[in-house]
PDB file of all heavy atoms in Angstrom:
ATOM      1  N   GLU A   1      -9.530   2.723  -6.109  1.00  0.00           N
ATOM      2  CA  GLU A   1      -9.448   1.314  -6.472  1.00  0.00           C
ATOM      3  C   GLU A   1      -8.055   0.782  -6.130  1.00  0.00           C
ATOM      4  O   GLU A   1      -7.115   1.559  -5.906  1.00  0.00           O
ATOM      5  CB  GLU A   1      -9.744   1.129  -7.959  1.00  0.00           C
ATOM      6  CG  GLU A   1      -8.689   1.705  -8.887  1.00  0.00           C
ATOM      7  CD  GLU A   1      -8.942   1.299 -10.328  1.00  0.00           C
ATOM      8  OE1 GLU A   1      -9.883   0.536 -10.573  1.00  0.00           O
ATOM      9  OE2 GLU A   1      -8.177   1.746 -11.193  1.00  0.00           O
ATOM     10  N   PRO A   2      -7.885  -0.546  -6.073  1.00  0.00           N
ATOM     11  CA  PRO A   2      -6.594  -1.119  -5.650  1.00  0.00           C
ATOM     12  C   PRO A   2      -5.391  -0.626  -6.442  1.00  0.00           C
ATOM     13  O   PRO A   2      -4.337  -0.364  -5.856  1.00  0.00           O
ATOM     14  CB  PRO A   2      -6.823  -2.627  -5.848  1.00  0.00           C
ATOM     15  CG  PRO A   2      -8.290  -2.815  -5.667  1.00  0.00           C
ATOM     16  CD  PRO A   2      -8.923  -1.593  -6.232  1.00  0.00           C
ATOM     17  N   SER A   3      -5.513  -0.475  -7.770  1.00  0.00           N
ATOM     18  CA  SER A   3      -4.350  -0.051  -8.557  1.00  0.00           C
ATOM     19  C   SER A   3      -3.909   1.358  -8.188  1.00  0.00           C
ATOM     20  O   SER A   3      -2.699   1.664  -8.178  1.00  0.00           O
ATOM     21  CB  SER A   3      -4.668  -0.122 -10.050  1.00  0.00           C
ATOM     22  OG  SER A   3      -5.736   0.748 -10.380  1.00  0.00           O
ATOM     23  N   VAL A   4      -4.862   2.235  -7.852  1.00  0.00           N
ATOM     24  CA  VAL A   4      -4.511   3.589  -7.427  1.00  0.00           C
ATOM     25  C   VAL A   4      -3.847   3.560  -6.054  1.00  0.00           C
ATOM     26  O   VAL A   4      -2.914   4.333  -5.781  1.00  0.00           O
ATOM     27  CB  VAL A   4      -5.760   4.495  -7.416  1.00  0.00           C
ATOM     28  CG1 VAL A   4      -5.425   5.882  -6.875  1.00  0.00           C
ATOM     29  CG2 VAL A   4      -6.348   4.607  -8.811  1.00  0.00           C
ATOM     30  N   LEU A   5      -4.304   2.670  -5.188  1.00  0.00           N
ATOM     31  CA  LEU A   5      -3.654   2.520  -3.882  1.00  0.00           C
ATOM     32  C   LEU A   5      -2.186   2.139  -4.053  1.00  0.00           C
ATOM     33  O   LEU A   5      -1.302   2.723  -3.424  1.00  0.00           O
ATOM     34  CB  LEU A   5      -4.375   1.464  -3.046  1.00  0.00           C
ATOM     35  CG  LEU A   5      -5.828   1.723  -2.656  1.00  0.00           C
ATOM     36  CD1 LEU A   5      -6.338   0.613  -1.743  1.00  0.00           C
ATOM     37  CD2 LEU A   5      -5.988   3.063  -1.962  1.00  0.00           C
ATOM     38  N   PHE A   6      -1.924   1.171  -4.935  1.00  0.00           N
ATOM     39  CA  PHE A   6      -0.551   0.695  -5.126  1.00  0.00           C
ATOM     40  C   PHE A   6       0.336   1.723  -5.832  1.00  0.00           C
ATOM     41  O   PHE A   6       1.517   1.851  -5.504  1.00  0.00           O
ATOM     42  CB  PHE A   6      -0.549  -0.613  -5.931  1.00  0.00           C
ATOM     43  CG  PHE A   6      -1.017  -1.803  -5.152  1.00  0.00           C
ATOM     44  CD1 PHE A   6      -2.099  -2.557  -5.590  1.00  0.00           C
ATOM     45  CD2 PHE A   6      -0.378  -2.195  -3.991  1.00  0.00           C
ATOM     46  CE1 PHE A   6      -2.530  -3.658  -4.884  1.00  0.00           C
ATOM     47  CE2 PHE A   6      -0.799  -3.297  -3.267  1.00  0.00           C
ATOM     48  CZ  PHE A   6      -1.881  -4.039  -3.712  1.00  0.00           C
ATOM     49  N   ASN A   7      -0.218   2.430  -6.795  1.00  0.00           N
ATOM     50  CA  ASN A   7       0.592   3.304  -7.640  1.00  0.00           C
ATOM     51  C   ASN A   7       0.633   4.756  -7.190  1.00  0.00           C
ATOM     52  O   ASN A   7       1.419   5.540  -7.729  1.00  0.00           O
ATOM     53  CB  ASN A   7       0.095   3.242  -9.085  1.00  0.00           C
ATOM     54  CG  ASN A   7       0.329   1.888  -9.720  1.00  0.00           C
ATOM     55  OD1 ASN A   7       1.432   1.355  -9.681  1.00  0.00           O
ATOM     56  ND2 ASN A   7      -0.710   1.319 -10.310  1.00  0.00           N
ATOM     57  N   LEU A   8      -0.208   5.137  -6.232  1.00  0.00           N
ATOM     58  CA  LEU A   8      -0.224   6.541  -5.824  1.00  0.00           C
ATOM     59  C   LEU A   8      -0.349   6.730  -4.317  1.00  0.00           C
ATOM     60  O   LEU A   8       0.550   7.306  -3.684  1.00  0.00           O
ATOM     61  CB  LEU A   8      -1.377   7.269  -6.535  1.00  0.00           C
ATOM     62  CG  LEU A   8      -1.527   8.758  -6.210  1.00  0.00           C
ATOM     63  CD1 LEU A   8      -0.284   9.517  -6.649  1.00  0.00           C
ATOM     64  CD2 LEU A   8      -2.781   9.339  -6.863  1.00  0.00           C
ATOM     65  N   LEU A   9      -1.450   6.271  -3.727  1.00  0.00           N
ATOM     66  CA  LEU A   9      -1.737   6.605  -2.329  1.00  0.00           C
ATOM     67  C   LEU A   9      -0.771   5.958  -1.346  1.00  0.00           C
ATOM     68  O   LEU A   9      -0.315   6.602  -0.400  1.00  0.00           O
ATOM     69  CB  LEU A   9      -3.184   6.222  -1.993  1.00  0.00           C
ATOM     70  CG  LEU A   9      -4.258   6.946  -2.810  1.00  0.00           C
ATOM     71  CD1 LEU A   9      -5.648   6.530  -2.367  1.00  0.00           C
ATOM     72  CD2 LEU A   9      -4.092   8.457  -2.689  1.00  0.00           C
ATOM     73  N   ILE A  10      -0.456   4.686  -1.553  1.00  0.00           N
ATOM     74  CA  ILE A  10       0.494   4.026  -0.646  1.00  0.00           C
ATOM     75  C   ILE A  10       1.890   4.626  -0.774  1.00  0.00           C
ATOM     76  O   ILE A  10       2.538   4.925   0.244  1.00  0.00           O
ATOM     77  CB  ILE A  10       0.495   2.503  -0.872  1.00  0.00           C
ATOM     78  CG1 ILE A  10      -0.836   1.893  -0.400  1.00  0.00           C
ATOM     79  CG2 ILE A  10       1.666   1.843  -0.136  1.00  0.00           C
ATOM     80  CD1 ILE A  10      -0.963   0.405  -0.640  1.00  0.00           C
ATOM     81  N   PRO A  11       2.417   4.841  -1.997  1.00  0.00           N
ATOM     82  CA  PRO A  11       3.719   5.534  -2.088  1.00  0.00           C
ATOM     83  C   PRO A  11       3.722   6.910  -1.439  1.00  0.00           C
ATOM     84  O   PRO A  11       4.704   7.298  -0.798  1.00  0.00           O
ATOM     85  CB  PRO A  11       3.949   5.623  -3.602  1.00  0.00           C
ATOM     86  CG  PRO A  11       3.208   4.464  -4.163  1.00  0.00           C
ATOM     87  CD  PRO A  11       1.983   4.326  -3.322  1.00  0.00           C
ATOM     88  N   LEU A  12       2.613   7.663  -1.577  1.00  0.00           N
ATOM     89  CA  LEU A  12       2.559   8.992  -0.973  1.00  0.00           C
ATOM     90  C   LEU A  12       2.601   8.930   0.547  1.00  0.00           C
ATOM     91  O   LEU A  12       3.022   9.895   1.192  1.00  0.00           O
ATOM     92  CB  LEU A  12       1.295   9.723  -1.430  1.00  0.00           C
ATOM     93  CG  LEU A  12       1.279  10.233  -2.877  1.00  0.00           C
ATOM     94  CD1 LEU A  12      -0.038  10.931  -3.178  1.00  0.00           C
ATOM     95  CD2 LEU A  12       2.451  11.171  -3.134  1.00  0.00           C
ATOM     96  N   SER A  13       2.182   7.802   1.123  1.00  0.00           N
ATOM     97  CA  SER A  13       2.240   7.678   2.587  1.00  0.00           C
ATOM     98  C   SER A  13       3.674   7.701   3.092  1.00  0.00           C
ATOM     99  O   SER A  13       3.925   7.994   4.264  1.00  0.00           O
ATOM    100  CB  SER A  13       1.552   6.382   3.040  1.00  0.00           C
ATOM    101  OG  SER A  13       2.293   5.235   2.625  1.00  0.00           O
ATOM    102  N   GLY A  14       4.633   7.402   2.199  1.00  0.00           N
ATOM    103  CA  GLY A  14       6.038   7.452   2.594  1.00  0.00           C
ATOM    104  C   GLY A  14       6.506   8.855   2.919  1.00  0.00           C
ATOM    105  O   GLY A  14       7.539   9.024   3.571  1.00  0.00           O
ATOM    106  N   ILE A  15       5.774   9.870   2.473  1.00  0.00           N
ATOM    107  CA  ILE A  15       6.112  11.246   2.836  1.00  0.00           C
ATOM    108  C   ILE A  15       5.988  11.432   4.338  1.00  0.00           C
ATOM    109  O   ILE A  15       6.784  12.146   4.968  1.00  0.00           O
ATOM    110  CB  ILE A  15       5.195  12.240   2.087  1.00  0.00           C
ATOM    111  CG1 ILE A  15       5.453  12.150   0.580  1.00  0.00           C
ATOM    112  CG2 ILE A  15       5.415  13.669   2.586  1.00  0.00           C
ATOM    113  CD1 ILE A  15       4.511  12.995  -0.247  1.00  0.00           C
ATOM    114  N   TYR A  16       4.984  10.763   4.917  1.00  0.00           N
ATOM    115  CA  TYR A  16       4.796  10.865   6.368  1.00  0.00           C
ATOM    116  C   TYR A  16       5.762   9.958   7.116  1.00  0.00           C
ATOM    117  O   TYR A  16       6.424  10.397   8.063  1.00  0.00           O
ATOM    118  CB  TYR A  16       3.354  10.505   6.736  1.00  0.00           C
ATOM    119  CG  TYR A  16       3.133  10.296   8.207  1.00  0.00           C
ATOM    120  CD1 TYR A  16       3.112  11.370   9.082  1.00  0.00           C
ATOM    121  CD2 TYR A  16       2.973   9.012   8.734  1.00  0.00           C
ATOM    122  CE1 TYR A  16       2.922  11.179  10.438  1.00  0.00           C
ATOM    123  CE2 TYR A  16       2.785   8.812  10.088  1.00  0.00           C
ATOM    124  CZ  TYR A  16       2.757   9.894  10.935  1.00  0.00           C
ATOM    125  OH  TYR A  16       2.579   9.707  12.283  1.00  0.00           O
ATOM    126  N   SER A  17       5.840   8.689   6.683  1.00  0.00           N
ATOM    127  CA  SER A  17       6.644   7.737   7.436  1.00  0.00           C
ATOM    128  C   SER A  17       6.960   6.521   6.573  1.00  0.00           C
ATOM    129  O   SER A  17       6.075   5.970   5.907  1.00  0.00           O
ATOM    130  CB  SER A  17       5.891   7.301   8.697  1.00  0.00           C
ATOM    131  OG  SER A  17       6.453   6.148   9.278  1.00  0.00           O
ATOM    132  N   GLN A  18       8.216   6.089   6.582  1.00  0.00           N
ATOM    133  CA  GLN A  18       8.605   4.864   5.884  1.00  0.00           C
ATOM    134  C   GLN A  18       7.960   3.653   6.554  1.00  0.00           C
ATOM    135  O   GLN A  18       7.619   2.665   5.885  1.00  0.00           O
ATOM    136  CB  GLN A  18      10.126   4.721   5.869  1.00  0.00           C
ATOM    137  CG  GLN A  18      10.634   3.491   5.137  1.00  0.00           C
ATOM    138  CD  GLN A  18      10.366   3.534   3.639  1.00  0.00           C
ATOM    139  OE1 GLN A  18      10.127   4.601   3.085  1.00  0.00           O
ATOM    140  NE2 GLN A  18      10.406   2.381   2.981  1.00  0.00           N
ATOM    141  N   GLU A  19       7.779   3.727   7.873  1.00  0.00           N
ATOM    142  CA  GLU A  19       7.124   2.635   8.589  1.00  0.00           C
ATOM    143  C   GLU A  19       5.686   2.463   8.117  1.00  0.00           C
ATOM    144  O   GLU A  19       5.210   1.332   7.914  1.00  0.00           O
ATOM    145  CB  GLU A  19       7.138   2.914  10.094  1.00  0.00           C
ATOM    146  CG  GLU A  19       6.461   1.823  10.924  1.00  0.00           C
ATOM    147  CD  GLU A  19       6.347   2.195  12.388  1.00  0.00           C
ATOM    148  OE1 GLU A  19       6.772   3.307  12.762  1.00  0.00           O
ATOM    149  OE2 GLU A  19       5.801   1.376  13.161  1.00  0.00           O
ATOM    150  N   LEU A  20       4.980   3.581   7.914  1.00  0.00           N
ATOM    151  CA  LEU A  20       3.607   3.523   7.427  1.00  0.00           C
ATOM    152  C   LEU A  20       3.571   2.956   6.012  1.00  0.00           C
ATOM    153  O   LEU A  20       2.702   2.127   5.690  1.00  0.00           O
ATOM    154  CB  LEU A  20       2.985   4.919   7.451  1.00  0.00           C
ATOM    155  CG  LEU A  20       1.573   5.053   6.860  1.00  0.00           C
ATOM    156  CD1 LEU A  20       0.592   4.150   7.581  1.00  0.00           C
ATOM    157  CD2 LEU A  20       1.118   6.511   6.909  1.00  0.00           C
ATOM    158  N   LEU A  21       4.490   3.373   5.158  1.00  0.00           N
ATOM    159  CA  LEU A  21       4.534   2.862   3.791  1.00  0.00           C
ATOM    160  C   LEU A  21       4.757   1.351   3.794  1.00  0.00           C
ATOM    161  O   LEU A  21       4.077   0.618   3.064  1.00  0.00           O
ATOM    162  CB  LEU A  21       5.647   3.572   3.019  1.00  0.00           C
ATOM    163  CG  LEU A  21       5.735   3.324   1.507  1.00  0.00           C
ATOM    164  CD1 LEU A  21       6.411   4.504   0.823  1.00  0.00           C
ATOM    165  CD2 LEU A  21       6.507   2.055   1.170  1.00  0.00           C
ATOM    166  N   THR A  22       5.707   0.881   4.589  1.00  0.00           N
ATOM    167  CA  THR A  22       5.999  -0.553   4.663  1.00  0.00           C
ATOM    168  C   THR A  22       4.794  -1.334   5.151  1.00  0.00           C
ATOM    169  O   THR A  22       4.442  -2.395   4.604  1.00  0.00           O
ATOM    170  CB  THR A  22       7.201  -0.804   5.587  1.00  0.00           C
ATOM    171  OG1 THR A  22       8.341  -0.079   5.099  1.00  0.00           O
ATOM    172  CG2 THR A  22       7.530  -2.285   5.656  1.00  0.00           C
ATOM    173  N   HIS A  23       4.140  -0.803   6.186  1.00  0.00           N
ATOM    174  CA  HIS A  23       2.975  -1.469   6.764  1.00  0.00           C
ATOM    175  C   HIS A  23       1.844  -1.538   5.745  1.00  0.00           C
ATOM    176  O   HIS A  23       1.224  -2.600   5.546  1.00  0.00           O
ATOM    177  CB  HIS A  23       2.531  -0.706   8.006  1.00  0.00           C
ATOM    178  CG  HIS A  23       1.751  -1.532   8.969  1.00  0.00           C
ATOM    179  ND1 HIS A  23       2.064  -1.630  10.302  1.00  0.00           N
ATOM    180  CD2 HIS A  23       0.653  -2.317   8.805  1.00  0.00           C
ATOM    181  CE1 HIS A  23       1.200  -2.421  10.906  1.00  0.00           C
ATOM    182  NE2 HIS A  23       0.337  -2.852  10.007  1.00  0.00           N
ATOM    183  N   LEU A  24       1.563  -0.426   5.087  1.00  0.00           N
ATOM    184  CA  LEU A  24       0.475  -0.391   4.116  1.00  0.00           C
ATOM    185  C   LEU A  24       0.757  -1.298   2.918  1.00  0.00           C
ATOM    186  O   LEU A  24      -0.110  -2.081   2.497  1.00  0.00           O
ATOM    187  CB  LEU A  24       0.261   1.038   3.627  1.00  0.00           C
ATOM    188  CG  LEU A  24      -0.561   1.970   4.519  1.00  0.00           C
ATOM    189  CD1 LEU A  24      -0.505   3.399   3.986  1.00  0.00           C
ATOM    190  CD2 LEU A  24      -2.012   1.510   4.591  1.00  0.00           C
ATOM    191  N   LEU A  25       1.956  -1.185   2.360  1.00  0.00           N
ATOM    192  CA  LEU A  25       2.272  -1.937   1.149  1.00  0.00           C
ATOM    193  C   LEU A  25       2.245  -3.443   1.399  1.00  0.00           C
ATOM    194  O   LEU A  25       1.668  -4.199   0.606  1.00  0.00           O
ATOM    195  CB  LEU A  25       3.632  -1.511   0.612  1.00  0.00           C
ATOM    196  CG  LEU A  25       4.051  -2.154  -0.717  1.00  0.00           C
ATOM    197  CD1 LEU A  25       3.021  -1.864  -1.804  1.00  0.00           C
ATOM    198  CD2 LEU A  25       5.424  -1.648  -1.148  1.00  0.00           C
ATOM    199  N   SER A  26       2.837  -3.885   2.501  1.00  0.00           N
ATOM    200  CA  SER A  26       2.859  -5.321   2.782  1.00  0.00           C
ATOM    201  C   SER A  26       1.468  -5.852   3.104  1.00  0.00           C
ATOM    202  O   SER A  26       1.063  -6.906   2.598  1.00  0.00           O
ATOM    203  CB  SER A  26       3.826  -5.619   3.935  1.00  0.00           C
ATOM    204  OG  SER A  26       3.525  -4.831   5.074  1.00  0.00           O
ATOM    205  N   ALA A  27       0.699  -5.130   3.911  1.00  0.00           N
ATOM    206  CA  ALA A  27      -0.631  -5.603   4.299  1.00  0.00           C
ATOM    207  C   ALA A  27      -1.599  -5.582   3.120  1.00  0.00           C
ATOM    208  O   ALA A  27      -2.306  -6.574   2.864  1.00  0.00           O
ATOM    209  CB  ALA A  27      -1.181  -4.745   5.441  1.00  0.00           C
ATOM    210  N   VAL A  28      -1.660  -4.477   2.389  1.00  0.00           N
ATOM    211  CA  VAL A  28      -2.593  -4.371   1.262  1.00  0.00           C
ATOM    212  C   VAL A  28      -2.215  -5.348   0.153  1.00  0.00           C
ATOM    213  O   VAL A  28      -3.085  -5.926  -0.510  1.00  0.00           O
ATOM    214  CB  VAL A  28      -2.646  -2.923   0.733  1.00  0.00           C
ATOM    215  CG1 VAL A  28      -3.530  -2.832  -0.505  1.00  0.00           C
ATOM    216  CG2 VAL A  28      -3.165  -1.984   1.807  1.00  0.00           C
ATOM    217  N   THR A  29      -0.923  -5.575  -0.049  1.00  0.00           N
ATOM    218  CA  THR A  29      -0.490  -6.545  -1.054  1.00  0.00           C
ATOM    219  C   THR A  29      -0.961  -7.947  -0.705  1.00  0.00           C
ATOM    220  O   THR A  29      -1.479  -8.678  -1.559  1.00  0.00           O
ATOM    221  CB  THR A  29       1.041  -6.528  -1.196  1.00  0.00           C
ATOM    222  OG1 THR A  29       1.464  -5.255  -1.678  1.00  0.00           O
ATOM    223  CG2 THR A  29       1.512  -7.604  -2.156  1.00  0.00           C
ATOM    224  N   LEU A  30      -0.799  -8.344   0.549  1.00  0.00           N
ATOM    225  CA  LEU A  30      -1.247  -9.675   0.978  1.00  0.00           C
ATOM    226  C   LEU A  30      -2.761  -9.822   0.838  1.00  0.00           C
ATOM    227  O   LEU A  30      -3.255 -10.840   0.342  1.00  0.00           O
ATOM    228  CB  LEU A  30      -0.815  -9.925   2.424  1.00  0.00           C
ATOM    229  CG  LEU A  30       0.667 -10.210   2.648  1.00  0.00           C
ATOM    230  CD1 LEU A  30       0.995 -10.212   4.143  1.00  0.00           C
ATOM    231  CD2 LEU A  30       1.056 -11.549   2.036  1.00  0.00           C
ATOM    232  N   VAL A  31      -3.487  -8.800   1.254  1.00  0.00           N
ATOM    233  CA  VAL A  31      -4.951  -8.851   1.183  1.00  0.00           C
ATOM    234  C   VAL A  31      -5.414  -8.881  -0.267  1.00  0.00           C
ATOM    235  O   VAL A  31      -6.326  -9.648  -0.628  1.00  0.00           O
ATOM    236  CB  VAL A  31      -5.558  -7.650   1.935  1.00  0.00           C
ATOM    237  CG1 VAL A  31      -7.043  -7.524   1.637  1.00  0.00           C
ATOM    238  CG2 VAL A  31      -5.343  -7.805   3.438  1.00  0.00           C
ATOM    239  N   SER A  32      -4.808  -8.064  -1.110  1.00  0.00           N
ATOM    240  CA  SER A  32      -5.186  -8.036  -2.521  1.00  0.00           C
ATOM    241  C   SER A  32      -4.863  -9.358  -3.214  1.00  0.00           C
ATOM    242  O   SER A  32      -5.617  -9.809  -4.085  1.00  0.00           O
ATOM    243  CB  SER A  32      -4.468  -6.882  -3.231  1.00  0.00           C
ATOM    244  OG  SER A  32      -4.906  -6.753  -4.557  1.00  0.00           O
ATOM    245  N   THR A  33      -3.769  -9.994  -2.822  1.00  0.00           N
ATOM    246  CA  THR A  33      -3.422 -11.300  -3.388  1.00  0.00           C
ATOM    247  C   THR A  33      -4.458 -12.345  -3.004  1.00  0.00           C
ATOM    248  O   THR A  33      -4.865 -13.167  -3.841  1.00  0.00           O
ATOM    249  CB  THR A  33      -2.026 -11.735  -2.923  1.00  0.00           C
ATOM    250  OG1 THR A  33      -1.065 -10.732  -3.268  1.00  0.00           O
ATOM    251  CG2 THR A  33      -1.628 -13.054  -3.568  1.00  0.00           C
ATOM    252  N   LEU A  34      -4.900 -12.335  -1.758  1.00  0.00           N
ATOM    253  CA  LEU A  34      -5.963 -13.253  -1.335  1.00  0.00           C
ATOM    254  C   LEU A  34      -7.227 -13.025  -2.163  1.00  0.00           C
ATOM    255  O   LEU A  34      -7.896 -13.974  -2.586  1.00  0.00           O
ATOM    256  CB  LEU A  34      -6.267 -13.049   0.152  1.00  0.00           C
ATOM    257  CG  LEU A  34      -5.209 -13.522   1.149  1.00  0.00           C
ATOM    258  CD1 LEU A  34      -5.614 -13.125   2.572  1.00  0.00           C
ATOM    259  CD2 LEU A  34      -5.048 -15.041   1.077  1.00  0.00           C
ATOM    260  N   ASN A  35      -7.551 -11.762  -2.385  1.00  0.00           N
ATOM    261  CA  ASN A  35      -8.741 -11.424  -3.163  1.00  0.00           C
ATOM    262  C   ASN A  35      -8.634 -11.939  -4.595  1.00  0.00           C
ATOM    263  O   ASN A  35      -9.570 -12.551  -5.122  1.00  0.00           O
ATOM    264  CB  ASN A  35      -8.925  -9.910  -3.148  1.00  0.00           C
ATOM    265  CG  ASN A  35     -10.156  -9.459  -3.909  1.00  0.00           C
ATOM    266  OD1 ASN A  35     -10.150  -9.386  -5.135  1.00  0.00           O
ATOM    267  ND2 ASN A  35     -11.218  -9.149  -3.187  1.00  0.00           N
ATOM    268  N   SER A  36      -7.505 -11.686  -5.234  1.00  0.00           N
ATOM    269  CA  SER A  36      -7.352 -12.082  -6.634  1.00  0.00           C
ATOM    270  C   SER A  36      -7.302 -13.601  -6.784  1.00  0.00           C
ATOM    271  O   SER A  36      -7.791 -14.139  -7.792  1.00  0.00           O
ATOM    272  CB  SER A  36      -6.099 -11.442  -7.239  1.00  0.00           C
ATOM    273  OG  SER A  36      -4.948 -11.748  -6.483  1.00  0.00           O
TER     274      SER A  36
END
């Protein structure tokens, strides 16, 4: 669910790449804001 993405899965992506974390966090945040 979205809260798990924000609090766990997206932060864990930073282990692989800070670029991936930035991309995921900014994109998913914008999309989730549109949804809400």
